[in-house]
Amino acid sequence: MKLVILDSETVSKNGDVSLEDITSLCDTTVYGFVPNDEVARAIGDADCVICNKCLITREVFKSCPNLKYVGLFATGYNNIDLKAASDFGAVVANVPAYSTDSVAQHTFALILDYYNKISEYKASTANGDWINYKFFSYFYIPIFELSGKTIGIIGFGDIGKKVAQIAKAFSMNVLAYTRTPEKIAGKAQPASLDEVMEKSDIITLHCPLNEDTKEIINKQTLSLCKPGALLINTSRGGVINENDLAYALKNGQIAHASIDVLTNEPMREDCPLIDLNNITITPHIAWAPIETRRRLVKKVSENLKAFLDGRPINKVNN
């Protein structure tokens, strides 16, 4: 069978992660990057395609009649037209839970950077401020403990549960909002969305992007927040209305936002969050430790092999 990998550079930079587990399974063509308007051309007569964020639309399926398998270098699959895939008899497979540890780790890296002011103190020390200070301890920027703070988790899948586990290790109070509250089962205190927004010192997003969660963080929900609240997003950019968030940050409705994802990626010059001084933005790296990417490639290869063997796994379409 013929396989095309459309955007290998999203997973392997300069070959730091081998794709051999995947490429050895088929007659494979590997592209580092393919623009969305060239996806159909790149796939051509291939039977299988693997991608991360390339758009696989109904038009792509129409143009590529041999295409019967779409594998994702991701858990999220909002870039694939699932109905079209089913209509054309194609299997779509994602990789659940591969990045649970790394995304939870990055979530707390953002939290700790804010609460302990790591970046500010690093810059201050490099500027010579400690050299020129008369006491042994230089703490002119206030820092705070996590113990006793309330963290509100929106979305309680594998990553949300892991974040709750880590939060409890810091002796935090944990609230969780999810459409399936039975999954919380003693791991956190169930709460409505409004309760999470109103009561949390830290609000962290771990939900998929779909019609129910699109712009779940907006003018109305942000108006409920404590003025000192910290908002974290390591899920998908589209769960936040970025104009509403910019307004909330500029007007003191919340204290700070630390986000790893944006509605439009890569970041654009017209992003409403770009020039704010009370936001921390990292470039969609929560999932990207080298161990995580190696795990991802292994699982993508297992998905493809299962399909080739006639027993598809991790299928997300009907």
Protein backbone atom coordinates (compact mmCIF):
# COMPACT_ATOMS: atom_id res chain seq x y z
CA MET A 1 0.00 0.00 0.00
CA LYS A 2 1.02 3.59 -0.59
CA LEU A 3 1.35 5.95 2.38
CA VAL A 4 1.92 9.71 2.43
CA ILE A 5 3.06 11.59 5.52
CA LEU A 6 2.12 15.23 5.02
CA ASP A 7 3.79 17.18 7.83
CA SER A 8 6.60 15.13 9.34
CA GLU A 9 8.40 18.22 10.65
CA THR A 10 5.63 18.71 13.21
CA VAL A 11 6.86 15.52 14.88
CA SER A 12 10.53 15.11 13.91
CA LYS A 13 12.88 18.09 13.76
CA ASN A 14 16.08 17.35 11.87
CA GLY A 15 15.46 13.66 12.42
CA ASP A 16 15.52 13.81 16.22
CA VAL A 17 12.65 11.29 16.24
CA SER A 18 12.82 8.38 13.81
CA LEU A 19 9.78 7.66 11.65
CA GLU A 20 11.04 4.21 10.64
CA ASP A 21 8.37 2.36 12.64
CA ILE A 22 5.83 3.98 10.31
CA THR A 23 7.67 4.20 7.01
CA SER A 24 8.71 0.54 7.11
CA LEU A 25 5.06 -0.55 6.92
CA CYS A 26 4.25 0.85 3.46
CA ASP A 27 5.63 2.34 0.28
CA THR A 28 5.98 5.77 1.89
CA THR A 29 6.44 9.33 0.67
CA VAL A 30 7.39 11.78 3.41
CA TYR A 31 6.83 15.52 3.21
CA GLY A 32 8.11 17.86 5.88
CA PHE A 33 5.30 20.33 5.24
CA VAL A 34 2.40 20.56 2.81
CA PRO A 35 0.17 23.67 2.53
CA ASN A 36 -3.53 22.91 2.83
CA ASP A 37 -4.22 23.86 -0.77
CA GLU A 38 -1.76 21.18 -1.93
CA VAL A 39 -2.89 18.32 0.33
CA ALA A 40 -4.89 16.51 -2.36
CA ARG A 41 -2.01 16.74 -4.84
CA ALA A 42 0.44 15.40 -2.27
CA ILE A 43 -1.80 12.43 -1.39
CA GLY A 44 -2.51 11.61 -5.01
CA ASP A 45 -3.30 7.90 -5.45
CA ALA A 46 -2.12 6.90 -1.97
CA ASP A 47 -4.19 4.50 0.12
CA CYS A 48 -3.19 5.98 3.48
CA VAL A 49 -2.22 9.38 4.82
CA ILE A 50 -0.80 10.45 8.16
CA CYS A 51 -0.81 14.06 9.29
CA ASN A 52 -0.89 16.29 12.31
CA LYS A 53 -2.74 19.50 11.49
CA CYS A 54 -3.26 19.40 7.71
CA LEU A 55 -6.90 19.76 6.69
CA ILE A 56 -8.41 16.60 5.23
CA THR A 57 -11.67 17.91 3.80
CA ARG A 58 -14.48 16.44 1.75
CA GLU A 59 -12.80 17.87 -1.34
CA VAL A 60 -9.62 15.96 -0.48
CA PHE A 61 -11.57 12.69 -0.23
CA LYS A 62 -13.26 13.44 -3.56
CA SER A 63 -9.90 14.12 -5.19
CA CYS A 64 -8.20 11.06 -3.68
CA PRO A 65 -10.52 8.08 -4.33
CA ASN A 66 -7.96 5.51 -3.12
CA LEU A 67 -7.72 7.11 0.31
CA LYS A 68 -9.07 4.68 2.92
CA TYR A 69 -7.05 5.55 6.02
CA VAL A 70 -6.25 8.82 7.79
CA GLY A 71 -3.90 8.52 10.75
CA LEU A 72 -3.28 11.41 13.07
CA PHE A 73 -0.12 12.50 14.86
CA ALA A 74 -2.51 13.85 17.50
CA THR A 75 -5.36 13.19 19.89
CA GLY A 76 -7.54 15.97 18.47
CA TYR A 77 -9.15 15.43 15.07
CA ASN A 78 -11.03 18.67 14.38
CA ASN A 79 -8.96 19.11 11.18
CA ILE A 80 -10.54 16.02 9.61
CA ASP A 81 -14.02 15.95 8.05
CA LEU A 82 -15.20 12.81 9.82
CA LYS A 83 -18.52 12.60 8.01
CA ALA A 84 -16.78 12.81 4.65
CA ALA A 85 -14.33 10.13 5.74
CA SER A 86 -17.21 7.82 6.63
CA ASP A 87 -19.07 8.66 3.42
CA PHE A 88 -16.00 7.68 1.40
CA GLY A 89 -15.36 4.54 3.46
CA ALA A 90 -12.17 5.77 5.12
CA VAL A 91 -10.99 5.03 8.65
CA VAL A 92 -9.76 7.93 10.81
CA ALA A 93 -7.58 6.99 13.78
CA ASN A 94 -6.18 9.24 16.49
CA VAL A 95 -3.73 8.65 19.34
CA PRO A 96 -5.38 9.05 22.74
CA ALA A 97 -3.47 9.67 25.95
CA TYR A 98 0.06 9.77 24.50
CA SER A 99 0.78 13.28 25.89
CA THR A 100 -0.95 13.11 29.27
CA ASP A 101 2.21 13.47 31.34
CA SER A 102 3.86 16.11 29.16
CA VAL A 103 0.80 18.37 28.93
CA ALA A 104 0.15 18.13 32.66
CA GLN A 105 3.82 18.94 33.23
CA HIS A 106 3.63 22.00 30.98
CA THR A 107 0.44 23.12 32.71
CA PHE A 108 2.27 23.22 36.02
CA ALA A 109 5.36 24.77 34.44
CA LEU A 110 3.14 27.69 33.44
CA ILE A 111 1.48 27.80 36.86
CA LEU A 112 4.76 27.70 38.77
CA ASP A 113 6.41 30.25 36.49
CA TYR A 114 3.58 32.65 37.33
CA TYR A 115 3.26 31.96 41.05
CA ASN A 116 7.02 31.86 41.70
CA LYS A 117 7.88 34.58 39.15
CA ILE A 118 10.72 32.50 37.77
CA SER A 119 11.08 34.44 34.51
CA GLU A 120 11.03 37.82 36.25
CA TYR A 121 13.63 36.84 38.83
CA LYS A 122 15.85 35.31 36.15
CA ALA A 123 15.75 38.58 34.20
CA SER A 124 16.32 40.63 37.35
CA THR A 125 19.33 38.56 38.42
CA ALA A 126 20.82 38.75 34.92
CA ASN A 127 20.35 42.52 35.10
CA GLY A 128 22.57 42.68 38.20
CA ASP A 129 19.83 43.55 40.69
CA TRP A 130 20.92 40.93 43.23
CA ILE A 131 24.57 41.98 42.94
CA ASN A 132 23.53 45.50 43.88
CA TYR A 133 21.26 44.48 46.78
CA LYS A 134 22.36 44.69 50.40
CA PHE A 135 20.61 41.58 51.78
CA PHE A 136 21.06 37.88 51.04
CA SER A 137 17.48 37.44 49.80
CA TYR A 138 16.02 39.63 47.10
CA PHE A 139 12.23 39.24 46.92
CA TYR A 140 10.89 42.51 45.60
CA ILE A 141 8.44 40.66 43.27
CA PRO A 142 5.69 38.99 45.37
CA ILE A 143 5.47 35.20 45.11
CA PHE A 144 2.76 32.90 46.44
CA GLU A 145 2.15 29.32 47.58
CA LEU A 146 -0.10 26.96 45.66
CA SER A 147 -1.18 25.23 48.87
CA GLY A 148 -4.76 26.17 49.69
CA LYS A 149 -5.43 27.73 46.28
CA THR A 150 -8.37 26.49 44.22
CA ILE A 151 -7.75 25.14 40.74
CA GLY A 152 -10.70 24.69 38.41
CA ILE A 153 -10.28 22.11 35.65
CA ILE A 154 -12.47 22.37 32.55
CA GLY A 155 -12.50 18.96 30.89
CA PHE A 156 -11.72 15.85 32.90
CA GLY A 157 -10.22 13.32 30.55
CA ASP A 158 -6.79 11.77 31.02
CA ILE A 159 -4.98 15.12 31.17
CA GLY A 160 -7.55 16.75 33.43
CA LYS A 161 -7.28 13.82 35.84
CA LYS A 162 -3.48 14.03 35.84
CA VAL A 163 -3.61 17.76 36.57
CA ALA A 164 -5.97 17.07 39.46
CA GLN A 165 -3.55 14.47 40.84
CA ILE A 166 -0.63 16.90 40.71
CA ALA A 167 -2.72 19.71 42.19
CA LYS A 168 -3.58 17.55 45.18
CA ALA A 169 0.13 16.90 45.72
CA PHE A 170 0.45 20.69 46.12
CA SER A 171 -2.44 20.62 48.66
CA MET A 172 -4.73 22.56 46.34
CA ASN A 173 -8.52 22.48 46.28
CA VAL A 174 -9.66 20.92 43.00
CA LEU A 175 -12.89 21.71 41.15
CA ALA A 176 -13.78 20.01 37.88
CA TYR A 177 -16.34 20.75 35.18
CA THR A 178 -17.16 18.04 32.66
CA ARG A 179 -20.13 16.78 30.64
CA THR A 180 -19.61 13.40 32.32
CA PRO A 181 -19.38 14.21 36.06
CA GLU A 182 -19.50 10.52 36.95
CA LYS A 183 -15.88 10.34 35.75
CA ILE A 184 -14.78 12.65 38.56
CA ALA A 185 -15.54 9.98 41.20
CA GLY A 186 -13.61 11.38 44.16
CA LYS A 187 -10.72 12.76 42.11
CA ALA A 188 -12.07 16.32 42.39
CA GLN A 189 -15.13 18.25 43.47
CA PRO A 190 -17.74 18.41 40.68
CA ALA A 191 -18.76 21.95 39.76
CA SER A 192 -20.72 23.81 37.14
CA LEU A 193 -18.87 25.95 34.61
CA ASP A 194 -20.01 29.11 36.41
CA GLU A 195 -18.77 27.74 39.74
CA VAL A 196 -15.37 26.94 38.26
CA MET A 197 -15.07 30.45 36.84
CA GLU A 198 -16.25 32.16 40.03
CA LYS A 199 -14.36 30.16 42.67
CA SER A 200 -11.02 29.28 41.07
CA ASP A 201 -7.70 31.01 41.60
CA ILE A 202 -6.43 29.06 38.60
CA ILE A 203 -8.63 27.96 35.68
CA THR A 204 -7.07 25.39 33.36
CA LEU A 205 -8.54 24.08 30.12
CA HIS A 206 -8.23 20.41 29.14
CA CYS A 207 -11.27 19.89 26.90
CA PRO A 208 -11.43 18.98 23.20
CA LEU A 209 -12.47 21.60 20.67
CA ASN A 210 -15.99 20.88 19.44
CA GLU A 211 -19.31 22.67 19.05
CA ASP A 212 -19.94 22.47 22.80
CA THR A 213 -16.57 23.91 23.83
CA LYS A 214 -15.88 26.42 21.07
CA GLU A 215 -15.20 29.79 22.78
CA ILE A 216 -16.34 28.43 26.13
CA ILE A 217 -14.08 31.13 27.56
CA ASN A 218 -15.75 34.35 26.49
CA LYS A 219 -16.97 37.72 27.73
CA GLN A 220 -19.69 36.19 29.88
CA THR A 221 -17.61 33.46 31.54
CA LEU A 222 -14.60 35.75 32.04
CA SER A 223 -16.84 38.28 33.80
CA LEU A 224 -17.36 35.71 36.57
CA CYS A 225 -13.66 35.38 37.42
CA LYS A 226 -11.79 36.64 40.44
CA PRO A 227 -9.64 39.68 39.53
CA GLY A 228 -6.57 37.72 40.65
CA ALA A 229 -7.34 34.61 38.60
CA LEU A 230 -4.82 32.90 36.33
CA LEU A 231 -6.13 31.29 33.12
CA ILE A 232 -4.20 28.38 31.59
CA ASN A 233 -4.88 26.85 28.17
CA THR A 234 -2.98 23.84 26.87
CA SER A 235 -5.92 22.32 24.94
CA ARG A 236 -6.98 24.07 21.72
CA GLY A 237 -6.93 27.77 20.93
CA GLY A 238 -10.51 27.80 19.70
CA VAL A 239 -11.94 27.17 23.17
CA ILE A 240 -11.13 30.83 23.95
CA ASN A 241 -12.55 33.94 22.32
CA GLU A 242 -9.24 35.77 22.07
CA ASN A 243 -10.76 39.24 21.71
CA ASP A 244 -12.77 38.71 24.89
CA LEU A 245 -9.68 37.43 26.70
CA ALA A 246 -7.67 40.45 25.57
CA TYR A 247 -10.39 42.74 26.93
CA ALA A 248 -10.46 40.89 30.25
CA LEU A 249 -6.69 41.13 30.61
CA LYS A 250 -6.55 44.80 29.69
CA ASN A 251 -9.36 45.68 32.09
CA GLY A 252 -8.27 43.66 35.12
CA GLN A 253 -11.07 41.08 35.01
CA ILE A 254 -8.33 38.47 35.45
CA ALA A 255 -4.71 38.91 36.46
CA HIS A 256 -2.87 36.81 33.91
CA ALA A 257 -3.21 34.20 31.18
CA SER A 258 -0.64 31.54 30.28
CA ILE A 259 -1.45 29.77 27.04
CA ASP A 260 0.21 27.27 24.76
CA VAL A 261 -2.32 27.31 21.93
CA LEU A 262 -3.98 29.93 19.73
CA THR A 263 -6.98 30.02 17.41
CA ASN A 264 -4.67 30.62 14.44
CA GLU A 265 -1.34 28.80 14.44
CA PRO A 266 1.36 29.76 13.79
CA MET A 267 0.71 33.02 15.64
CA ARG A 268 -0.32 35.90 13.39
CA GLU A 269 0.71 39.53 13.66
CA ASP A 270 -2.93 40.53 14.21
CA CYS A 271 -3.41 38.21 17.20
CA PRO A 272 -5.24 40.31 19.83
CA LEU A 273 -3.07 38.85 22.61
CA ILE A 274 0.30 39.65 21.10
CA ASP A 275 1.20 42.92 22.87
CA LEU A 276 -0.27 42.37 26.34
CA ASN A 277 2.10 42.45 29.30
CA ASN A 278 0.03 40.13 31.50
CA ILE A 279 0.11 37.08 29.30
CA THR A 280 2.61 34.25 28.78
CA ILE A 281 2.47 32.51 25.40
CA THR A 282 4.40 29.38 24.49
CA PRO A 283 4.33 28.05 20.89
CA HIS A 284 2.20 24.89 21.21
CA ILE A 285 4.94 22.86 22.89
CA ALA A 286 3.15 21.16 25.79
CA TRP A 287 3.00 17.90 23.82
CA ALA A 288 6.52 18.12 22.37
CA PRO A 289 9.13 16.58 24.74
CA ILE A 290 11.24 14.14 22.77
CA GLU A 291 10.03 11.18 24.84
CA THR A 292 6.43 12.16 24.09
CA ARG A 293 7.05 12.41 20.36
CA ARG A 294 8.77 9.03 20.30
CA ARG A 295 5.77 7.54 22.09
CA LEU A 296 3.47 9.22 19.57
CA VAL A 297 5.29 7.78 16.56
CA LYS A 298 5.17 4.31 18.10
CA LYS A 299 1.42 4.54 18.66
CA VAL A 300 0.81 5.96 15.17
CA SER A 301 2.67 2.97 13.73
CA GLU A 302 0.56 0.60 15.83
CA ASN A 303 -2.62 2.27 14.53
CA LEU A 304 -1.46 1.91 10.93
CA LYS A 305 -0.38 -1.71 11.37
CA ALA A 306 -3.75 -2.58 12.91
CA PHE A 307 -5.52 -1.03 9.91
CA LEU A 308 -3.30 -2.91 7.47
CA ASP A 309 -4.10 -6.12 9.38
CA GLY A 310 -7.83 -5.47 8.97
CA ARG A 311 -8.51 -4.66 12.64
CA PRO A 312 -8.44 -0.85 12.97
CA ILE A 313 -7.99 0.60 16.46
CA ASN A 314 -8.54 4.08 17.90
CA LYS A 315 -11.09 4.80 15.16
CA VAL A 316 -12.91 8.11 15.73
CA ASN A 317 -15.45 8.06 12.87
CA ASN A 318 -18.45 5.80 12.31
